[in-house]
Amino acid sequence: MTITTDSGKIELKVGDKAEPKTYAPLTRTDFVRYQGASGDFHPLHHDELFAKATGFPSVFSVGMLQAGLLATYLTDWMGVEQLRRFKVRFADQVWPGDELTCSATVTDVVNADGGTRVTVELRCMRQTGSTALEGDAEFVLV
């Protein structure tokens, strides 16, 4: 099925994949910047001594940072105006130095009222091979 997105006309069918995107190693500064933008200043995400005293080996990312990267990756592919649902599940922590690779696979394409409904399965993987975040999204493309 040929559809039009923000990036032009594309042919979509079940099993199609977006080009994966890898985000450079995340830093503590990235974590703090996200905390400032989100207003979530829990010390587990920026205070090394606090994180270690709580039993963690280091600070770790606010999960919504990965969700934001995954959402941006997805809407760069399909367009934000058409997004109808975005759902994620946090699966693994992200640590300073982690590289994250986002991927998306089309799982359903059907004609719907007002356009074409496209369902996409999403993953955000750490360089270790573990899944940091997984989920799905739905678009209605006109």
N, C-alpha and C. Protein backbone atom coordinates (compact mmCIF):
# COMPACT_ATOMS: atom_id res chain seq x y z
N MET A 1 0.85 -1.17 0.00
CA MET A 1 0.00 0.00 0.00
C MET A 1 0.90 1.23 0.00
N THR A 2 0.67 2.16 -0.90
CA THR A 2 1.44 3.40 -0.96
C THR A 2 0.74 4.44 -0.09
N ILE A 3 1.53 5.07 0.79
CA ILE A 3 1.00 6.11 1.66
C ILE A 3 1.91 7.32 1.59
N THR A 4 1.39 8.45 2.01
CA THR A 4 2.17 9.67 2.04
C THR A 4 2.45 10.04 3.48
N THR A 5 3.71 10.27 3.81
CA THR A 5 4.11 10.69 5.15
C THR A 5 4.81 12.03 5.02
N ASP A 6 5.28 12.56 6.15
CA ASP A 6 6.02 13.82 6.12
C ASP A 6 7.27 13.72 5.25
N SER A 7 7.81 12.51 5.12
CA SER A 7 9.03 12.33 4.33
C SER A 7 8.74 11.89 2.89
N GLY A 8 7.49 11.97 2.46
CA GLY A 8 7.14 11.63 1.09
C GLY A 8 6.31 10.38 0.97
N LYS A 9 6.14 9.90 -0.26
CA LYS A 9 5.35 8.69 -0.50
C LYS A 9 6.22 7.46 -0.24
N ILE A 10 5.62 6.52 0.48
CA ILE A 10 6.32 5.26 0.72
C ILE A 10 5.36 4.10 0.56
N GLU A 11 5.90 2.98 0.18
CA GLU A 11 5.13 1.74 0.07
C GLU A 11 5.28 0.99 1.39
N LEU A 12 4.18 0.63 2.02
CA LEU A 12 4.22 -0.05 3.31
C LEU A 12 3.47 -1.36 3.26
N LYS A 13 4.08 -2.39 3.84
CA LYS A 13 3.40 -3.67 4.00
C LYS A 13 3.89 -4.30 5.30
N VAL A 14 3.14 -5.26 5.79
CA VAL A 14 3.50 -5.96 7.02
C VAL A 14 4.90 -6.55 6.85
N GLY A 15 5.73 -6.35 7.84
CA GLY A 15 7.11 -6.83 7.81
C GLY A 15 8.12 -5.78 7.41
N ASP A 16 7.67 -4.68 6.82
CA ASP A 16 8.60 -3.61 6.47
C ASP A 16 9.23 -3.04 7.73
N LYS A 17 10.48 -2.61 7.60
CA LYS A 17 11.22 -2.07 8.73
C LYS A 17 11.73 -0.67 8.40
N ALA A 18 11.70 0.18 9.41
CA ALA A 18 12.35 1.48 9.27
C ALA A 18 13.85 1.27 9.38
N GLU A 19 14.62 2.16 8.78
CA GLU A 19 16.07 2.10 8.92
C GLU A 19 16.42 2.33 10.40
N PRO A 20 17.14 1.41 11.03
CA PRO A 20 17.50 1.60 12.44
C PRO A 20 18.34 2.86 12.63
N LYS A 21 18.25 3.43 13.82
CA LYS A 21 19.05 4.61 14.14
C LYS A 21 19.73 4.37 15.48
N THR A 22 21.05 4.61 15.51
CA THR A 22 21.81 4.46 16.74
C THR A 22 22.14 5.84 17.29
N TYR A 23 21.87 6.00 18.57
CA TYR A 23 22.20 7.24 19.27
C TYR A 23 23.53 7.08 19.98
N ALA A 24 24.38 8.08 19.82
CA ALA A 24 25.74 8.05 20.38
C ALA A 24 25.70 7.71 21.87
N PRO A 25 26.83 7.28 22.41
CA PRO A 25 26.82 6.94 23.84
C PRO A 25 26.22 8.07 24.68
N LEU A 26 25.27 7.69 25.53
CA LEU A 26 24.63 8.66 26.41
C LEU A 26 25.56 9.00 27.57
N THR A 27 25.49 10.24 27.99
CA THR A 27 26.35 10.71 29.07
C THR A 27 25.51 11.14 30.27
N ARG A 28 26.16 11.33 31.38
CA ARG A 28 25.48 11.85 32.57
C ARG A 28 24.87 13.22 32.26
N THR A 29 25.56 13.99 31.44
CA THR A 29 25.03 15.30 31.04
C THR A 29 23.72 15.14 30.29
N ASP A 30 23.61 14.12 29.42
CA ASP A 30 22.34 13.85 28.74
C ASP A 30 21.25 13.57 29.76
N PHE A 31 21.58 12.78 30.79
CA PHE A 31 20.60 12.44 31.82
C PHE A 31 20.13 13.71 32.54
N VAL A 32 21.08 14.57 32.91
CA VAL A 32 20.74 15.79 33.65
C VAL A 32 19.95 16.75 32.77
N ARG A 33 20.32 16.85 31.51
CA ARG A 33 19.56 17.71 30.59
C ARG A 33 18.10 17.25 30.51
N TYR A 34 17.91 15.94 30.39
CA TYR A 34 16.55 15.43 30.32
C TYR A 34 15.82 15.69 31.64
N GLN A 35 16.50 15.52 32.75
CA GLN A 35 15.87 15.80 34.04
C GLN A 35 15.41 17.25 34.10
N GLY A 36 16.24 18.16 33.62
CA GLY A 36 15.86 19.57 33.61
C GLY A 36 14.65 19.83 32.75
N ALA A 37 14.59 19.18 31.59
CA ALA A 37 13.46 19.37 30.68
C ALA A 37 12.18 18.76 31.24
N SER A 38 12.31 17.64 31.95
CA SER A 38 11.12 16.93 32.42
C SER A 38 10.68 17.35 33.82
N GLY A 39 11.61 17.92 34.59
CA GLY A 39 11.28 18.28 35.96
C GLY A 39 11.44 17.12 36.94
N ASP A 40 11.95 15.99 36.47
CA ASP A 40 12.16 14.82 37.33
C ASP A 40 13.61 14.85 37.83
N PHE A 41 13.80 15.31 39.06
CA PHE A 41 15.16 15.46 39.58
C PHE A 41 15.51 14.41 40.62
N HIS A 42 14.99 13.19 40.47
CA HIS A 42 15.33 12.14 41.41
C HIS A 42 16.85 11.92 41.38
N PRO A 43 17.50 11.86 42.53
CA PRO A 43 18.97 11.76 42.56
C PRO A 43 19.53 10.47 41.99
N LEU A 44 18.74 9.42 41.81
CA LEU A 44 19.25 8.20 41.19
C LEU A 44 19.80 8.45 39.78
N HIS A 45 19.35 9.53 39.17
CA HIS A 45 19.70 9.79 37.78
C HIS A 45 20.84 10.78 37.59
N HIS A 46 21.34 11.37 38.71
CA HIS A 46 22.45 12.31 38.55
C HIS A 46 23.46 12.29 39.70
N ASP A 47 23.11 11.73 40.85
CA ASP A 47 23.97 11.77 42.03
C ASP A 47 24.62 10.40 42.23
N GLU A 48 25.89 10.30 41.85
CA GLU A 48 26.62 9.03 41.90
C GLU A 48 26.63 8.43 43.31
N LEU A 49 26.91 9.24 44.32
CA LEU A 49 26.96 8.73 45.70
C LEU A 49 25.61 8.20 46.14
N PHE A 50 24.55 8.91 45.82
CA PHE A 50 23.21 8.46 46.17
C PHE A 50 22.88 7.13 45.47
N ALA A 51 23.19 7.05 44.18
CA ALA A 51 22.89 5.84 43.42
C ALA A 51 23.64 4.64 44.01
N LYS A 52 24.90 4.82 44.34
CA LYS A 52 25.69 3.71 44.91
C LYS A 52 25.18 3.34 46.31
N ALA A 53 24.80 4.33 47.10
CA ALA A 53 24.28 4.06 48.44
C ALA A 53 22.96 3.29 48.39
N THR A 54 22.24 3.42 47.28
CA THR A 54 20.98 2.74 47.08
C THR A 54 21.17 1.33 46.51
N GLY A 55 22.42 1.00 46.14
CA GLY A 55 22.71 -0.33 45.64
C GLY A 55 22.94 -0.44 44.15
N PHE A 56 22.93 0.66 43.44
CA PHE A 56 23.17 0.65 42.01
C PHE A 56 24.65 0.90 41.74
N PRO A 57 25.19 0.40 40.64
CA PRO A 57 26.60 0.62 40.35
C PRO A 57 26.93 2.05 39.92
N SER A 58 25.91 2.78 39.48
CA SER A 58 26.10 4.14 38.99
C SER A 58 24.73 4.79 38.84
N VAL A 59 24.73 6.03 38.39
CA VAL A 59 23.47 6.67 38.02
C VAL A 59 22.95 5.99 36.76
N PHE A 60 21.65 6.14 36.48
CA PHE A 60 21.09 5.57 35.26
C PHE A 60 20.04 6.53 34.71
N SER A 61 19.70 6.34 33.47
CA SER A 61 18.82 7.25 32.76
C SER A 61 17.38 7.20 33.27
N VAL A 62 16.72 8.34 33.21
CA VAL A 62 15.27 8.40 33.38
C VAL A 62 14.69 7.67 32.16
N GLY A 63 13.82 6.70 32.38
CA GLY A 63 13.29 5.90 31.28
C GLY A 63 12.62 6.70 30.18
N MET A 64 12.05 7.82 30.55
CA MET A 64 11.36 8.63 29.54
C MET A 64 12.33 9.24 28.54
N LEU A 65 13.63 9.31 28.87
CA LEU A 65 14.62 9.77 27.90
C LEU A 65 14.64 8.80 26.72
N GLN A 66 14.71 7.50 27.00
CA GLN A 66 14.68 6.51 25.91
C GLN A 66 13.36 6.56 25.16
N ALA A 67 12.26 6.75 25.89
CA ALA A 67 10.95 6.84 25.24
C ALA A 67 10.91 8.04 24.29
N GLY A 68 11.52 9.14 24.71
CA GLY A 68 11.58 10.32 23.85
C GLY A 68 12.41 10.09 22.60
N LEU A 69 13.54 9.40 22.76
CA LEU A 69 14.36 9.07 21.59
C LEU A 69 13.60 8.17 20.63
N LEU A 70 12.90 7.17 21.18
CA LEU A 70 12.14 6.23 20.35
C LEU A 70 10.99 6.95 19.65
N ALA A 71 10.30 7.84 20.35
CA ALA A 71 9.20 8.59 19.74
C ALA A 71 9.70 9.50 18.62
N THR A 72 10.83 10.15 18.84
CA THR A 72 11.40 11.01 17.81
C THR A 72 11.81 10.21 16.58
N TYR A 73 12.45 9.07 16.82
CA TYR A 73 12.83 8.17 15.73
C TYR A 73 11.59 7.79 14.92
N LEU A 74 10.53 7.42 15.61
CA LEU A 74 9.31 6.96 14.95
C LEU A 74 8.62 8.08 14.17
N THR A 75 8.48 9.24 14.78
CA THR A 75 7.78 10.33 14.09
C THR A 75 8.63 10.93 12.97
N ASP A 76 9.95 10.79 13.04
CA ASP A 76 10.78 11.20 11.90
C ASP A 76 10.47 10.31 10.69
N TRP A 77 10.08 9.07 10.93
CA TRP A 77 9.75 8.13 9.86
C TRP A 77 8.33 8.33 9.35
N MET A 78 7.35 8.40 10.25
CA MET A 78 5.93 8.40 9.86
C MET A 78 5.25 9.76 9.97
N GLY A 79 5.81 10.68 10.72
CA GLY A 79 5.18 11.98 10.92
C GLY A 79 4.40 12.05 12.21
N VAL A 80 4.51 13.17 12.88
CA VAL A 80 3.87 13.31 14.19
C VAL A 80 2.36 13.55 14.08
N GLU A 81 1.92 14.20 13.02
CA GLU A 81 0.50 14.54 12.91
C GLU A 81 -0.39 13.30 12.80
N GLN A 82 0.16 12.23 12.27
CA GLN A 82 -0.62 11.01 12.04
C GLN A 82 -0.60 10.06 13.24
N LEU A 83 0.23 10.31 14.22
CA LEU A 83 0.36 9.42 15.37
C LEU A 83 -0.92 9.42 16.20
N ARG A 84 -1.44 8.24 16.47
CA ARG A 84 -2.67 8.11 17.25
C ARG A 84 -2.44 7.43 18.60
N ARG A 85 -1.41 6.58 18.68
CA ARG A 85 -1.13 5.87 19.93
C ARG A 85 0.35 5.53 19.97
N PHE A 86 0.94 5.69 21.16
CA PHE A 86 2.35 5.35 21.38
C PHE A 86 2.42 4.73 22.76
N LYS A 87 2.84 3.47 22.83
CA LYS A 87 2.86 2.74 24.09
C LYS A 87 4.22 2.08 24.23
N VAL A 88 4.82 2.21 25.44
CA VAL A 88 6.12 1.59 25.67
C VAL A 88 6.12 0.84 27.00
N ARG A 89 7.07 -0.08 27.11
CA ARG A 89 7.33 -0.81 28.35
C ARG A 89 8.82 -0.74 28.60
N PHE A 90 9.17 -0.30 29.81
CA PHE A 90 10.58 -0.20 30.18
C PHE A 90 11.08 -1.59 30.55
N ALA A 91 12.18 -2.03 29.92
CA ALA A 91 12.64 -3.40 30.10
C ALA A 91 14.02 -3.50 30.75
N ASP A 92 14.88 -2.51 30.55
CA ASP A 92 16.22 -2.57 31.12
C ASP A 92 16.72 -1.15 31.36
N GLN A 93 17.57 -1.01 32.35
CA GLN A 93 18.13 0.31 32.65
C GLN A 93 19.17 0.70 31.61
N VAL A 94 19.33 2.00 31.45
CA VAL A 94 20.31 2.56 30.53
C VAL A 94 21.32 3.33 31.37
N TRP A 95 22.60 3.00 31.15
CA TRP A 95 23.69 3.52 31.95
C TRP A 95 24.54 4.51 31.15
N PRO A 96 25.31 5.35 31.83
CA PRO A 96 26.23 6.22 31.09
C PRO A 96 27.12 5.38 30.17
N GLY A 97 27.29 5.86 28.95
CA GLY A 97 28.09 5.14 27.96
C GLY A 97 27.30 4.21 27.07
N ASP A 98 26.05 3.95 27.41
CA ASP A 98 25.24 3.07 26.55
C ASP A 98 24.93 3.74 25.22
N GLU A 99 25.00 2.94 24.15
CA GLU A 99 24.51 3.35 22.84
C GLU A 99 23.17 2.69 22.65
N LEU A 100 22.21 3.43 22.14
CA LEU A 100 20.86 2.90 21.94
C LEU A 100 20.54 2.87 20.45
N THR A 101 19.99 1.74 20.01
CA THR A 101 19.57 1.61 18.62
C THR A 101 18.07 1.39 18.59
N CYS A 102 17.38 2.28 17.88
CA CYS A 102 15.93 2.20 17.74
C CYS A 102 15.58 1.51 16.44
N SER A 103 14.54 0.69 16.48
CA SER A 103 14.06 0.01 15.28
C SER A 103 12.54 -0.06 15.31
N ALA A 104 11.95 -0.22 14.14
CA ALA A 104 10.49 -0.30 14.02
C ALA A 104 10.13 -1.25 12.89
N THR A 105 9.10 -2.07 13.12
CA THR A 105 8.62 -3.02 12.13
C THR A 105 7.11 -2.87 11.98
N VAL A 106 6.63 -2.78 10.75
CA VAL A 106 5.20 -2.69 10.49
C VAL A 106 4.57 -4.06 10.79
N THR A 107 3.54 -4.07 11.64
CA THR A 107 2.87 -5.33 11.98
C THR A 107 1.45 -5.41 11.42
N ASP A 108 0.89 -4.28 10.97
CA ASP A 108 -0.46 -4.31 10.42
C ASP A 108 -0.67 -3.07 9.56
N VAL A 109 -1.31 -3.24 8.43
CA VAL A 109 -1.69 -2.14 7.53
C VAL A 109 -3.10 -2.45 7.05
N VAL A 110 -4.07 -1.61 7.42
CA VAL A 110 -5.45 -1.84 7.02
C VAL A 110 -6.12 -0.52 6.65
N ASN A 111 -7.08 -0.63 5.72
CA ASN A 111 -7.89 0.54 5.42
C ASN A 111 -8.82 0.80 6.59
N ALA A 112 -8.90 2.05 6.99
CA ALA A 112 -9.74 2.44 8.11
C ALA A 112 -10.49 3.70 7.73
N ASP A 113 -11.49 4.04 8.54
CA ASP A 113 -12.23 5.27 8.28
C ASP A 113 -11.26 6.45 8.26
N GLY A 114 -11.25 7.15 7.17
CA GLY A 114 -10.43 8.34 7.08
C GLY A 114 -8.98 8.10 6.68
N GLY A 115 -8.59 6.88 6.37
CA GLY A 115 -7.22 6.67 5.94
C GLY A 115 -6.76 5.23 6.09
N THR A 116 -5.47 5.07 6.24
CA THR A 116 -4.86 3.76 6.40
C THR A 116 -4.28 3.68 7.81
N ARG A 117 -4.68 2.64 8.55
CA ARG A 117 -4.15 2.45 9.91
C ARG A 117 -2.91 1.57 9.81
N VAL A 118 -1.80 2.07 10.34
CA VAL A 118 -0.53 1.35 10.33
C VAL A 118 -0.11 1.13 11.78
N THR A 119 0.12 -0.14 12.13
CA THR A 119 0.59 -0.48 13.46
C THR A 119 2.05 -0.89 13.35
N VAL A 120 2.86 -0.39 14.28
CA VAL A 120 4.30 -0.58 14.24
C VAL A 120 4.78 -1.11 15.59
N GLU A 121 5.61 -2.15 15.55
CA GLU A 121 6.28 -2.66 16.76
C GLU A 121 7.61 -1.93 16.89
N LEU A 122 7.95 -1.55 18.13
CA LEU A 122 9.12 -0.72 18.39
C LEU A 122 10.10 -1.38 19.34
N ARG A 123 11.38 -1.10 19.15
CA ARG A 123 12.41 -1.56 20.08
C ARG A 123 13.49 -0.49 20.21
N CYS A 124 14.03 -0.42 21.42
CA CYS A 124 15.19 0.42 21.69
C CYS A 124 16.18 -0.50 22.41
N MET A 125 17.26 -0.85 21.72
CA MET A 125 18.22 -1.84 22.22
C MET A 125 19.50 -1.17 22.70
N ARG A 126 20.04 -1.73 23.78
CA ARG A 126 21.37 -1.31 24.24
C ARG A 126 22.42 -2.04 23.39
N GLN A 127 23.62 -1.52 23.38
CA GLN A 127 24.71 -2.14 22.63
C GLN A 127 25.03 -3.53 23.15
N THR A 128 24.58 -3.87 24.33
CA THR A 128 24.80 -5.20 24.91
C THR A 128 23.88 -6.25 24.31
N GLY A 129 22.86 -5.80 23.57
CA GLY A 129 21.88 -6.70 23.00
C GLY A 129 20.61 -6.78 23.82
N SER A 130 20.60 -6.18 25.00
CA SER A 130 19.38 -6.20 25.81
C SER A 130 18.42 -5.11 25.34
N THR A 131 17.14 -5.38 25.51
CA THR A 131 16.11 -4.42 25.14
C THR A 131 15.91 -3.44 26.29
N ALA A 132 16.13 -2.16 26.04
CA ALA A 132 15.91 -1.14 27.05
C ALA A 132 14.43 -0.75 27.10
N LEU A 133 13.80 -0.76 25.94
CA LEU A 133 12.43 -0.28 25.81
C LEU A 133 11.79 -1.00 24.64
N GLU A 134 10.52 -1.38 24.80
CA GLU A 134 9.78 -1.96 23.68
C GLU A 134 8.37 -1.42 23.72
N GLY A 135 7.71 -1.49 22.59
CA GLY A 135 6.35 -1.00 22.56
C GLY A 135 5.75 -1.08 21.17
N ASP A 136 4.71 -0.30 20.98
CA ASP A 136 4.07 -0.24 19.68
C ASP A 136 3.40 1.12 19.51
N ALA A 137 3.08 1.40 18.27
CA ALA A 137 2.43 2.67 17.95
C ALA A 137 1.46 2.44 16.81
N GLU A 138 0.53 3.37 16.69
CA GLU A 138 -0.46 3.30 15.61
C GLU A 138 -0.57 4.67 14.96
N PHE A 139 -0.61 4.65 13.66
CA PHE A 139 -0.76 5.85 12.86
C PHE A 139 -2.00 5.71 11.99
N VAL A 140 -2.65 6.81 11.70
CA VAL A 140 -3.68 6.83 10.67
C VAL A 140 -3.19 7.80 9.60
N LEU A 141 -2.88 7.23 8.45
CA LEU A 141 -2.32 8.00 7.36
C LEU A 141 -3.40 8.25 6.32
N VAL A 142 -3.52 9.50 5.91
CA VAL A 142 -4.55 9.87 4.95
C VAL A 142 -3.96 10.05 3.57
